[in-house]
Amino acid sequence: GFSFNAGIVVTHVFCKCHGTCTTPATIAFEDDSGNAMTLSATLTCRAAPTLGGESVTAGGTVSAGESIRFDVTNTPAPTTDRYEIGYVYTTTGLDG
């Protein structure tokens, strides 16, 4: 992950699989402190993902200096697939 200079609130996460994607990865997210993000549904990385991804319904606040971590929660196949992971967020505490 990478850290943010200001606090953020993650509102959506998305993922796309590049490859054969026979068994696509499922992904869970958390901050550096291990606070899990609750999603509207399990995020599954498909070759043709759901437009807009999944909404973050709880735990989306990430403090300044923290990063977002993710875990693969299943065993994807084949292992040669590549994944594109992204998120939508708003910033908090920025000075103009």
PDB file of N, CA and C in Angstrom:
ATOM      1  N   GLY A   1       0.821  -1.186   0.000  1.00  0.00           N
ATOM      2  CA  GLY A   1       0.000   0.000   0.000  1.00  0.00           C
ATOM      3  C   GLY A   1       0.863   1.247   0.000  1.00  0.00           C
ATOM      4  N   PHE A   2       0.215   2.365   0.010  1.00  0.00           N
ATOM      5  CA  PHE A   2       0.912   3.633   0.141  1.00  0.00           C
ATOM      6  C   PHE A   2       0.153   4.479   1.135  1.00  0.00           C
ATOM      7  N   SER A   3       0.848   5.404   1.767  1.00  0.00           N
ATOM      8  CA  SER A   3       0.201   6.208   2.801  1.00  0.00           C
ATOM      9  C   SER A   3      -0.245   7.548   2.228  1.00  0.00           C
ATOM     10  N   PHE A   4      -1.154   8.180   2.946  1.00  0.00           N
ATOM     11  CA  PHE A   4      -1.741   9.449   2.528  1.00  0.00           C
ATOM     12  C   PHE A   4      -1.263  10.560   3.458  1.00  0.00           C
ATOM     13  N   ASN A   5      -1.066  11.762   2.912  1.00  0.00           N
ATOM     14  CA  ASN A   5      -0.636  12.913   3.703  1.00  0.00           C
ATOM     15  C   ASN A   5      -1.756  13.467   4.561  1.00  0.00           C
ATOM     16  N   ALA A   6      -2.994  13.227   4.157  1.00  0.00           N
ATOM     17  CA  ALA A   6      -4.165  13.674   4.904  1.00  0.00           C
ATOM     18  C   ALA A   6      -5.052  12.463   5.144  1.00  0.00           C
ATOM     19  N   GLY A   7      -5.970  12.596   6.089  1.00  0.00           N
ATOM     20  CA  GLY A   7      -6.927  11.518   6.311  1.00  0.00           C
ATOM     21  C   GLY A   7      -7.828  11.367   5.095  1.00  0.00           C
ATOM     22  N   ILE A   8      -8.309  10.161   4.875  1.00  0.00           N
ATOM     23  CA  ILE A   8      -9.229   9.903   3.764  1.00  0.00           C
ATOM     24  C   ILE A   8     -10.396   9.050   4.253  1.00  0.00           C
ATOM     25  N   VAL A   9     -11.453   9.040   3.475  1.00  0.00           N
ATOM     26  CA  VAL A   9     -12.569   8.121   3.694  1.00  0.00           C
ATOM     27  C   VAL A   9     -12.772   7.365   2.385  1.00  0.00           C
ATOM     28  N   VAL A  10     -12.517   6.062   2.411  1.00  0.00           N
ATOM     29  CA  VAL A  10     -12.685   5.221   1.228  1.00  0.00           C
ATOM     30  C   VAL A  10     -14.180   4.936   1.074  1.00  0.00           C
ATOM     31  N   THR A  11     -14.718   5.201  -0.126  1.00  0.00           N
ATOM     32  CA  THR A  11     -16.155   5.022  -0.358  1.00  0.00           C
ATOM     33  C   THR A  11     -16.469   3.825  -1.249  1.00  0.00           C
ATOM     34  N   HIS A  12     -15.542   3.451  -2.138  1.00  0.00           N
ATOM     35  CA  HIS A  12     -15.744   2.316  -3.045  1.00  0.00           C
ATOM     36  C   HIS A  12     -14.405   1.639  -3.322  1.00  0.00           C
ATOM     37  N   VAL A  13     -14.433   0.346  -3.574  1.00  0.00           N
ATOM     38  CA  VAL A  13     -13.242  -0.399  -3.993  1.00  0.00           C
ATOM     39  C   VAL A  13     -13.612  -1.212  -5.233  1.00  0.00           C
ATOM     40  N   PHE A  14     -12.620  -1.453  -6.070  1.00  0.00           N
ATOM     41  CA  PHE A  14     -12.881  -2.225  -7.282  1.00  0.00           C
ATOM     42  C   PHE A  14     -11.650  -3.033  -7.656  1.00  0.00           C
ATOM     43  N   CYS A  15     -11.861  -4.023  -8.511  1.00  0.00           N
ATOM     44  CA  CYS A  15     -10.775  -4.903  -8.915  1.00  0.00           C
ATOM     45  C   CYS A  15     -11.109  -5.499 -10.274  1.00  0.00           C
ATOM     46  N   LYS A  16     -10.091  -5.689 -11.093  1.00  0.00           N
ATOM     47  CA  LYS A  16     -10.253  -6.312 -12.403  1.00  0.00           C
ATOM     48  C   LYS A  16      -9.174  -7.364 -12.581  1.00  0.00           C
ATOM     49  N   CYS A  17      -9.558  -8.506 -13.119  1.00  0.00           N
ATOM     50  CA  CYS A  17      -8.626  -9.596 -13.386  1.00  0.00           C
ATOM     51  C   CYS A  17      -8.177  -9.537 -14.840  1.00  0.00           C
ATOM     52  N   HIS A  18      -6.887  -9.726 -15.061  1.00  0.00           N
ATOM     53  CA  HIS A  18      -6.313  -9.808 -16.411  1.00  0.00           C
ATOM     54  C   HIS A  18      -5.716 -11.202 -16.558  1.00  0.00           C
ATOM     55  N   GLY A  19      -6.242 -11.985 -17.473  1.00  0.00           N
ATOM     56  CA  GLY A  19      -5.780 -13.351 -17.681  1.00  0.00           C
ATOM     57  C   GLY A  19      -6.971 -14.244 -17.955  1.00  0.00           C
ATOM     58  N   THR A  20      -6.838 -15.538 -17.652  1.00  0.00           N
ATOM     59  CA  THR A  20      -7.966 -16.447 -17.874  1.00  0.00           C
ATOM     60  C   THR A  20      -9.005 -16.349 -16.768  1.00  0.00           C
ATOM     61  N   CYS A  21      -8.595 -15.989 -15.566  1.00  0.00           N
ATOM     62  CA  CYS A  21      -9.504 -15.687 -14.446  1.00  0.00           C
ATOM     63  C   CYS A  21     -10.466 -16.839 -14.160  1.00  0.00           C
ATOM     64  N   THR A  22      -9.970 -18.070 -14.209  1.00  0.00           N
ATOM     65  CA  THR A  22     -10.804 -19.243 -13.966  1.00  0.00           C
ATOM     66  C   THR A  22     -11.417 -19.200 -12.568  1.00  0.00           C
ATOM     67  N   THR A  23     -10.592 -18.956 -11.561  1.00  0.00           N
ATOM     68  CA  THR A  23     -11.059 -18.727 -10.189  1.00  0.00           C
ATOM     69  C   THR A  23     -10.545 -17.357  -9.785  1.00  0.00           C
ATOM     70  N   PRO A  24     -11.367 -16.302  -9.946  1.00  0.00           N
ATOM     71  CA  PRO A  24     -10.889 -14.955  -9.651  1.00  0.00           C
ATOM     72  C   PRO A  24     -10.657 -14.735  -8.157  1.00  0.00           C
ATOM     73  N   ALA A  25      -9.734 -13.849  -7.853  1.00  0.00           N
ATOM     74  CA  ALA A  25      -9.416 -13.512  -6.463  1.00  0.00           C
ATOM     75  C   ALA A  25     -10.584 -12.772  -5.810  1.00  0.00           C
ATOM     76  N   THR A  26     -10.751 -13.009  -4.516  1.00  0.00           N
ATOM     77  CA  THR A  26     -11.638 -12.182  -3.696  1.00  0.00           C
ATOM     78  C   THR A  26     -10.730 -11.406  -2.741  1.00  0.00           C
ATOM     79  N   ILE A  27     -11.045 -10.140  -2.541  1.00  0.00           N
ATOM     80  CA  ILE A  27     -10.145  -9.222  -1.842  1.00  0.00           C
ATOM     81  C   ILE A  27     -10.845  -8.599  -0.635  1.00  0.00           C
ATOM     82  N   ALA A  28     -10.117  -8.479   0.483  1.00  0.00           N
ATOM     83  CA  ALA A  28     -10.583  -7.760   1.672  1.00  0.00           C
ATOM     84  C   ALA A  28      -9.591  -6.632   1.950  1.00  0.00           C
ATOM     85  N   PHE A  29     -10.068  -5.535   2.516  1.00  0.00           N
ATOM     86  CA  PHE A  29      -9.242  -4.356   2.769  1.00  0.00           C
ATOM     87  C   PHE A  29      -9.230  -4.001   4.250  1.00  0.00           C
ATOM     88  N   GLU A  30      -8.125  -3.379   4.696  1.00  0.00           N
ATOM     89  CA  GLU A  30      -7.995  -2.875   6.066  1.00  0.00           C
ATOM     90  C   GLU A  30      -6.965  -1.760   6.078  1.00  0.00           C
ATOM     91  N   ASP A  31      -6.929  -1.010   7.183  1.00  0.00           N
ATOM     92  CA  ASP A  31      -5.892   0.017   7.334  1.00  0.00           C
ATOM     93  C   ASP A  31      -4.698  -0.577   8.079  1.00  0.00           C
ATOM     94  N   ASP A  32      -3.649   0.217   8.283  1.00  0.00           N
ATOM     95  CA  ASP A  32      -2.439  -0.262   8.962  1.00  0.00           C
ATOM     96  C   ASP A  32      -2.694  -0.778  10.364  1.00  0.00           C
ATOM     97  N   SER A  33      -3.728  -0.274  11.019  1.00  0.00           N
ATOM     98  CA  SER A  33      -4.053  -0.704  12.378  1.00  0.00           C
ATOM     99  C   SER A  33      -4.867  -1.991  12.402  1.00  0.00           C
ATOM    100  N   GLY A  34      -5.185  -2.542  11.222  1.00  0.00           N
ATOM    101  CA  GLY A  34      -5.941  -3.780  11.144  1.00  0.00           C
ATOM    102  C   GLY A  34      -7.444  -3.594  11.204  1.00  0.00           C
ATOM    103  N   ASN A  35      -7.918  -2.336  11.056  1.00  0.00           N
ATOM    104  CA  ASN A  35      -9.356  -2.068  11.049  1.00  0.00           C
ATOM    105  C   ASN A  35      -9.917  -2.440   9.682  1.00  0.00           C
ATOM    106  N   ALA A  36     -10.738  -3.480   9.663  1.00  0.00           N
ATOM    107  CA  ALA A  36     -11.281  -3.991   8.404  1.00  0.00           C
ATOM    108  C   ALA A  36     -12.326  -3.050   7.823  1.00  0.00           C
ATOM    109  N   MET A  37     -12.367  -2.985   6.505  1.00  0.00           N
ATOM    110  CA  MET A  37     -13.416  -2.246   5.803  1.00  0.00           C
ATOM    111  C   MET A  37     -14.534  -3.228   5.484  1.00  0.00           C
ATOM    112  N   THR A  38     -15.757  -2.849   5.831  1.00  0.00           N
ATOM    113  CA  THR A  38     -16.921  -3.664   5.517  1.00  0.00           C
ATOM    114  C   THR A  38     -17.439  -3.218   4.154  1.00  0.00           C
ATOM    115  N   LEU A  39     -17.654  -4.166   3.255  1.00  0.00           N
ATOM    116  CA  LEU A  39     -18.113  -3.864   1.900  1.00  0.00           C
ATOM    117  C   LEU A  39     -19.571  -4.271   1.722  1.00  0.00           C
ATOM    118  N   SER A  40     -20.231  -3.679   0.738  1.00  0.00           N
ATOM    119  CA  SER A  40     -21.630  -4.000   0.449  1.00  0.00           C
ATOM    120  C   SER A  40     -21.780  -5.438  -0.033  1.00  0.00           C
ATOM    121  N   ALA A  41     -20.721  -6.017  -0.592  1.00  0.00           N
ATOM    122  CA  ALA A  41     -20.682  -7.419  -1.031  1.00  0.00           C
ATOM    123  C   ALA A  41     -19.214  -7.816  -1.152  1.00  0.00           C
ATOM    124  N   THR A  42     -18.929  -9.100  -1.228  1.00  0.00           N
ATOM    125  CA  THR A  42     -17.552  -9.562  -1.407  1.00  0.00           C
ATOM    126  C   THR A  42     -17.006  -9.025  -2.723  1.00  0.00           C
ATOM    127  N   LEU A  43     -15.801  -8.454  -2.680  1.00  0.00           N
ATOM    128  CA  LEU A  43     -15.177  -7.931  -3.896  1.00  0.00           C
ATOM    129  C   LEU A  43     -14.505  -9.084  -4.633  1.00  0.00           C
ATOM    130  N   THR A  44     -15.034  -9.424  -5.800  1.00  0.00           N
ATOM    131  CA  THR A  44     -14.486 -10.487  -6.641  1.00  0.00           C
ATOM    132  C   THR A  44     -13.900  -9.858  -7.891  1.00  0.00           C
ATOM    133  N   CYS A  45     -12.636 -10.170  -8.169  1.00  0.00           N
ATOM    134  CA  CYS A  45     -11.905  -9.566  -9.283  1.00  0.00           C
ATOM    135  C   CYS A  45     -12.177 -10.330 -10.574  1.00  0.00           C
ATOM    136  N   ARG A  46     -13.123  -9.897 -11.345  1.00  0.00           N
ATOM    137  CA  ARG A  46     -13.511 -10.566 -12.586  1.00  0.00           C
ATOM    138  C   ARG A  46     -12.895  -9.853 -13.796  1.00  0.00           C
ATOM    139  N   ALA A  47     -12.881 -10.546 -14.927  1.00  0.00           N
ATOM    140  CA  ALA A  47     -12.381  -9.946 -16.165  1.00  0.00           C
ATOM    141  C   ALA A  47     -13.293  -8.799 -16.598  1.00  0.00           C
ATOM    142  N   ALA A  48     -14.577  -8.913 -16.316  1.00  0.00           N
ATOM    143  CA  ALA A  48     -15.550  -7.842 -16.593  1.00  0.00           C
ATOM    144  C   ALA A  48     -16.186  -7.472 -15.252  1.00  0.00           C
ATOM    145  N   PRO A  49     -15.526  -6.601 -14.472  1.00  0.00           N
ATOM    146  CA  PRO A  49     -15.997  -6.314 -13.117  1.00  0.00           C
ATOM    147  C   PRO A  49     -17.305  -5.524 -13.095  1.00  0.00           C
ATOM    148  N   THR A  50     -17.965  -5.568 -11.935  1.00  0.00           N
ATOM    149  CA  THR A  50     -19.161  -4.772 -11.707  1.00  0.00           C
ATOM    150  C   THR A  50     -18.790  -3.297 -11.779  1.00  0.00           C
ATOM    151  N   LEU A  51     -19.497  -2.547 -12.604  1.00  0.00           N
ATOM    152  CA  LEU A  51     -19.224  -1.125 -12.744  1.00  0.00           C
ATOM    153  C   LEU A  51     -19.369  -0.439 -11.396  1.00  0.00           C
ATOM    154  N   GLY A  52     -18.356   0.290 -10.979  1.00  0.00           N
ATOM    155  CA  GLY A  52     -18.399   1.002  -9.706  1.00  0.00           C
ATOM    156  C   GLY A  52     -17.882   0.215  -8.530  1.00  0.00           C
ATOM    157  N   GLY A  53     -17.627  -1.069  -8.706  1.00  0.00           N
ATOM    158  CA  GLY A  53     -17.085  -1.876  -7.621  1.00  0.00           C
ATOM    159  C   GLY A  53     -18.089  -2.074  -6.500  1.00  0.00           C
ATOM    160  N   GLU A  54     -17.575  -2.167  -5.287  1.00  0.00           N
ATOM    161  CA  GLU A  54     -18.420  -2.357  -4.105  1.00  0.00           C
ATOM    162  C   GLU A  54     -18.287  -1.145  -3.196  1.00  0.00           C
ATOM    163  N   SER A  55     -19.381  -0.786  -2.549  1.00  0.00           N
ATOM    164  CA  SER A  55     -19.388   0.329  -1.605  1.00  0.00           C
ATOM    165  C   SER A  55     -18.747  -0.108  -0.292  1.00  0.00           C
ATOM    166  N   VAL A  56     -18.019   0.821   0.330  1.00  0.00           N
ATOM    167  CA  VAL A  56     -17.494   0.598   1.677  1.00  0.00           C
ATOM    168  C   VAL A  56     -18.567   1.098   2.631  1.00  0.00           C
ATOM    169  N   THR A  57     -19.132   0.198   3.427  1.00  0.00           N
ATOM    170  CA  THR A  57     -20.251   0.559   4.295  1.00  0.00           C
ATOM    171  C   THR A  57     -19.820   0.874   5.721  1.00  0.00           C
ATOM    172  N   ALA A  58     -18.592   0.481   6.114  1.00  0.00           N
ATOM    173  CA  ALA A  58     -18.046   0.789   7.442  1.00  0.00           C
ATOM    174  C   ALA A  58     -16.540   0.600   7.408  1.00  0.00           C
ATOM    175  N   GLY A  59     -15.834   1.319   8.263  1.00  0.00           N
ATOM    176  CA  GLY A  59     -14.393   1.142   8.392  1.00  0.00           C
ATOM    177  C   GLY A  59     -13.562   1.786   7.309  1.00  0.00           C
ATOM    178  N   GLY A  60     -14.140   2.700   6.534  1.00  0.00           N
ATOM    179  CA  GLY A  60     -13.416   3.315   5.425  1.00  0.00           C
ATOM    180  C   GLY A  60     -12.536   4.494   5.796  1.00  0.00           C
ATOM    181  N   THR A  61     -12.536   4.908   7.057  1.00  0.00           N
ATOM    182  CA  THR A  61     -11.713   6.051   7.465  1.00  0.00           C
ATOM    183  C   THR A  61     -10.267   5.614   7.663  1.00  0.00           C
ATOM    184  N   VAL A  62      -9.351   6.290   6.981  1.00  0.00           N
ATOM    185  CA  VAL A  62      -7.917   5.998   7.075  1.00  0.00           C
ATOM    186  C   VAL A  62      -7.232   7.280   7.523  1.00  0.00           C
ATOM    187  N   SER A  63      -6.506   7.218   8.626  1.00  0.00           N
ATOM    188  CA  SER A  63      -5.846   8.399   9.191  1.00  0.00           C
ATOM    189  C   SER A  63      -4.649   8.836   8.346  1.00  0.00           C
ATOM    190  N   ALA A  64      -4.287  10.115   8.461  1.00  0.00           N
ATOM    191  CA  ALA A  64      -3.099  10.630   7.781  1.00  0.00           C
ATOM    192  C   ALA A  64      -1.894   9.790   8.184  1.00  0.00           C
ATOM    193  N   GLY A  65      -1.085   9.400   7.210  1.00  0.00           N
ATOM    194  CA  GLY A  65       0.106   8.600   7.468  1.00  0.00           C
ATOM    195  C   GLY A  65      -0.140   7.101   7.420  1.00  0.00           C
ATOM    196  N   GLU A  66      -1.396   6.681   7.464  1.00  0.00           N
ATOM    197  CA  GLU A  66      -1.703   5.253   7.378  1.00  0.00           C
ATOM    198  C   GLU A  66      -1.805   4.838   5.919  1.00  0.00           C
ATOM    199  N   SER A  67      -1.712   3.536   5.682  1.00  0.00           N
ATOM    200  CA  SER A  67      -1.931   3.008   4.336  1.00  0.00           C
ATOM    201  C   SER A  67      -3.089   2.025   4.346  1.00  0.00           C
ATOM    202  N   ILE A  68      -3.490   1.643   3.143  1.00  0.00           N
ATOM    203  CA  ILE A  68      -4.535   0.648   2.962  1.00  0.00           C
ATOM    204  C   ILE A  68      -3.855  -0.666   2.602  1.00  0.00           C
ATOM    205  N   ARG A  69      -4.232  -1.716   3.306  1.00  0.00           N
ATOM    206  CA  ARG A  69      -3.703  -3.046   3.003  1.00  0.00           C
ATOM    207  C   ARG A  69      -4.831  -3.890   2.421  1.00  0.00           C
ATOM    208  N   PHE A  70      -4.462  -4.897   1.652  1.00  0.00           N
ATOM    209  CA  PHE A  70      -5.475  -5.814   1.144  1.00  0.00           C
ATOM    210  C   PHE A  70      -4.973  -7.243   1.271  1.00  0.00           C
ATOM    211  N   ASP A  71      -5.921  -8.157   1.381  1.00  0.00           N
ATOM    212  CA  ASP A  71      -5.629  -9.583   1.481  1.00  0.00           C
ATOM    213  C   ASP A  71      -6.478 -10.328   0.462  1.00  0.00           C
ATOM    214  N   VAL A  72      -5.876 -11.339  -0.162  1.00  0.00           N
ATOM    215  CA  VAL A  72      -6.631 -12.250  -1.019  1.00  0.00           C
ATOM    216  C   VAL A  72      -7.232 -13.290  -0.080  1.00  0.00           C
ATOM    217  N   THR A  73      -8.554 -13.484  -0.145  1.00  0.00           N
ATOM    218  CA  THR A  73      -9.243 -14.335   0.823  1.00  0.00           C
ATOM    219  C   THR A  73      -9.604 -15.716   0.278  1.00  0.00           C
ATOM    220  N   ASN A  74      -9.122 -16.047  -0.908  1.00  0.00           N
ATOM    221  CA  ASN A  74      -9.356 -17.367  -1.480  1.00  0.00           C
ATOM    222  C   ASN A  74      -8.088 -17.830  -2.196  1.00  0.00           C
ATOM    223  N   THR A  75      -8.183 -18.891  -2.976  1.00  0.00           N
ATOM    224  CA  THR A  75      -7.045 -19.387  -3.757  1.00  0.00           C
ATOM    225  C   THR A  75      -7.372 -19.202  -5.234  1.00  0.00           C
ATOM    226  N   PRO A  76      -6.925 -18.064  -5.832  1.00  0.00           N
ATOM    227  CA  PRO A  76      -7.225 -17.827  -7.250  1.00  0.00           C
ATOM    228  C   PRO A  76      -6.446 -18.775  -8.158  1.00  0.00           C
ATOM    229  N   ALA A  77      -7.009 -19.014  -9.343  1.00  0.00           N
ATOM    230  CA  ALA A  77      -6.329 -19.842 -10.337  1.00  0.00           C
ATOM    231  C   ALA A  77      -6.636 -19.271 -11.716  1.00  0.00           C
ATOM    232  N   PRO A  78      -5.716 -19.304 -12.632  1.00  0.00           N
ATOM    233  CA  PRO A  78      -4.326 -19.724 -12.414  1.00  0.00           C
ATOM    234  C   PRO A  78      -3.539 -18.631 -11.682  1.00  0.00           C
ATOM    235  N   THR A  79      -2.397 -18.997 -11.162  1.00  0.00           N
ATOM    236  CA  THR A  79      -1.579 -18.039 -10.403  1.00  0.00           C
ATOM    237  C   THR A  79      -0.893 -17.024 -11.308  1.00  0.00           C
ATOM    238  N   THR A  80      -1.011 -17.187 -12.615  1.00  0.00           N
ATOM    239  CA  THR A  80      -0.388 -16.239 -13.553  1.00  0.00           C
ATOM    240  C   THR A  80      -1.297 -15.051 -13.871  1.00  0.00           C
ATOM    241  N   ASP A  81      -2.548 -15.064 -13.387  1.00  0.00           N
ATOM    242  CA  ASP A  81      -3.428 -13.907 -13.597  1.00  0.00           C
ATOM    243  C   ASP A  81      -2.849 -12.683 -12.894  1.00  0.00           C
ATOM    244  N   ARG A  82      -3.157 -11.508 -13.439  1.00  0.00           N
ATOM    245  CA  ARG A  82      -2.757 -10.237 -12.818  1.00  0.00           C
ATOM    246  C   ARG A  82      -4.020  -9.503 -12.386  1.00  0.00           C
ATOM    247  N   TYR A  83      -3.897  -8.678 -11.337  1.00  0.00           N
ATOM    248  CA  TYR A  83      -5.059  -7.977 -10.792  1.00  0.00           C
ATOM    249  C   TYR A  83      -4.804  -6.479 -10.685  1.00  0.00           C
ATOM    250  N   GLU A  84      -5.817  -5.745 -11.029  1.00  0.00           N
ATOM    251  CA  GLU A  84      -5.816  -4.283 -10.938  1.00  0.00           C
ATOM    252  C   GLU A  84      -6.776  -3.923  -9.802  1.00  0.00           C
ATOM    253  N   ILE A  85      -6.275  -3.258  -8.759  1.00  0.00           N
ATOM    254  CA  ILE A  85      -7.078  -2.927  -7.585  1.00  0.00           C
ATOM    255  C   ILE A  85      -7.112  -1.413  -7.432  1.00  0.00           C
ATOM    256  N   GLY A  86      -8.282  -0.881  -7.140  1.00  0.00           N
ATOM    257  CA  GLY A  86      -8.386   0.562  -6.962  1.00  0.00           C
ATOM    258  C   GLY A  86      -9.445   0.914  -5.950  1.00  0.00           C
ATOM    259  N   TYR A  87      -9.462   2.183  -5.555  1.00  0.00           N
ATOM    260  CA  TYR A  87     -10.456   2.664  -4.622  1.00  0.00           C
ATOM    261  C   TYR A  87     -10.765   4.109  -4.889  1.00  0.00           C
ATOM    262  N   VAL A  88     -11.957   4.493  -4.480  1.00  0.00           N
ATOM    263  CA  VAL A  88     -12.435   5.871  -4.581  1.00  0.00           C
ATOM    264  C   VAL A  88     -12.476   6.415  -3.166  1.00  0.00           C
ATOM    265  N   TYR A  89     -12.000   7.632  -2.965  1.00  0.00           N
ATOM    266  CA  TYR A  89     -11.975   8.183  -1.615  1.00  0.00           C
ATOM    267  C   TYR A  89     -12.154   9.698  -1.638  1.00  0.00           C
ATOM    268  N   THR A  90     -12.521  10.229  -0.480  1.00  0.00           N
ATOM    269  CA  THR A  90     -12.559  11.673  -0.270  1.00  0.00           C
ATOM    270  C   THR A  90     -11.503  12.002   0.775  1.00  0.00           C
ATOM    271  N   THR A  91     -10.975  13.200   0.732  1.00  0.00           N
ATOM    272  CA  THR A  91      -9.965  13.607   1.708  1.00  0.00           C
ATOM    273  C   THR A  91     -10.620  14.361   2.865  1.00  0.00           C
ATOM    274  N   THR A  92      -9.964  14.297   4.010  1.00  0.00           N
ATOM    275  CA  THR A  92     -10.421  15.022   5.189  1.00  0.00           C
ATOM    276  C   THR A  92      -9.246  15.799   5.760  1.00  0.00           C
ATOM    277  N   GLY A  93      -9.509  16.910   6.379  1.00  0.00           N
ATOM    278  CA  GLY A  93      -8.465  17.644   7.092  1.00  0.00           C
ATOM    279  C   GLY A  93      -7.453  18.359   6.215  1.00  0.00           C
ATOM    280  N   LEU A  94      -7.779  18.681   4.964  1.00  0.00           N
ATOM    281  CA  LEU A  94      -6.862  19.424   4.118  1.00  0.00           C
ATOM    282  C   LEU A  94      -7.035  20.917   4.338  1.00  0.00           C
ATOM    283  N   ASP A  95      -5.942  21.629   4.417  1.00  0.00           N
ATOM    284  CA  ASP A  95      -5.985  23.087   4.520  1.00  0.00           C
ATOM    285  C   ASP A  95      -5.916  23.662   3.116  1.00  0.00           C
ATOM    286  N   GLY A  96      -6.713  24.713   2.847  1.00  0.00           N
ATOM    287  CA  GLY A  96      -6.772  25.330   1.531  1.00  0.00           C
ATOM    288  C   GLY A  96      -5.550  26.019   1.167  1.00  0.00           C
TER     289      GLY A  96
END
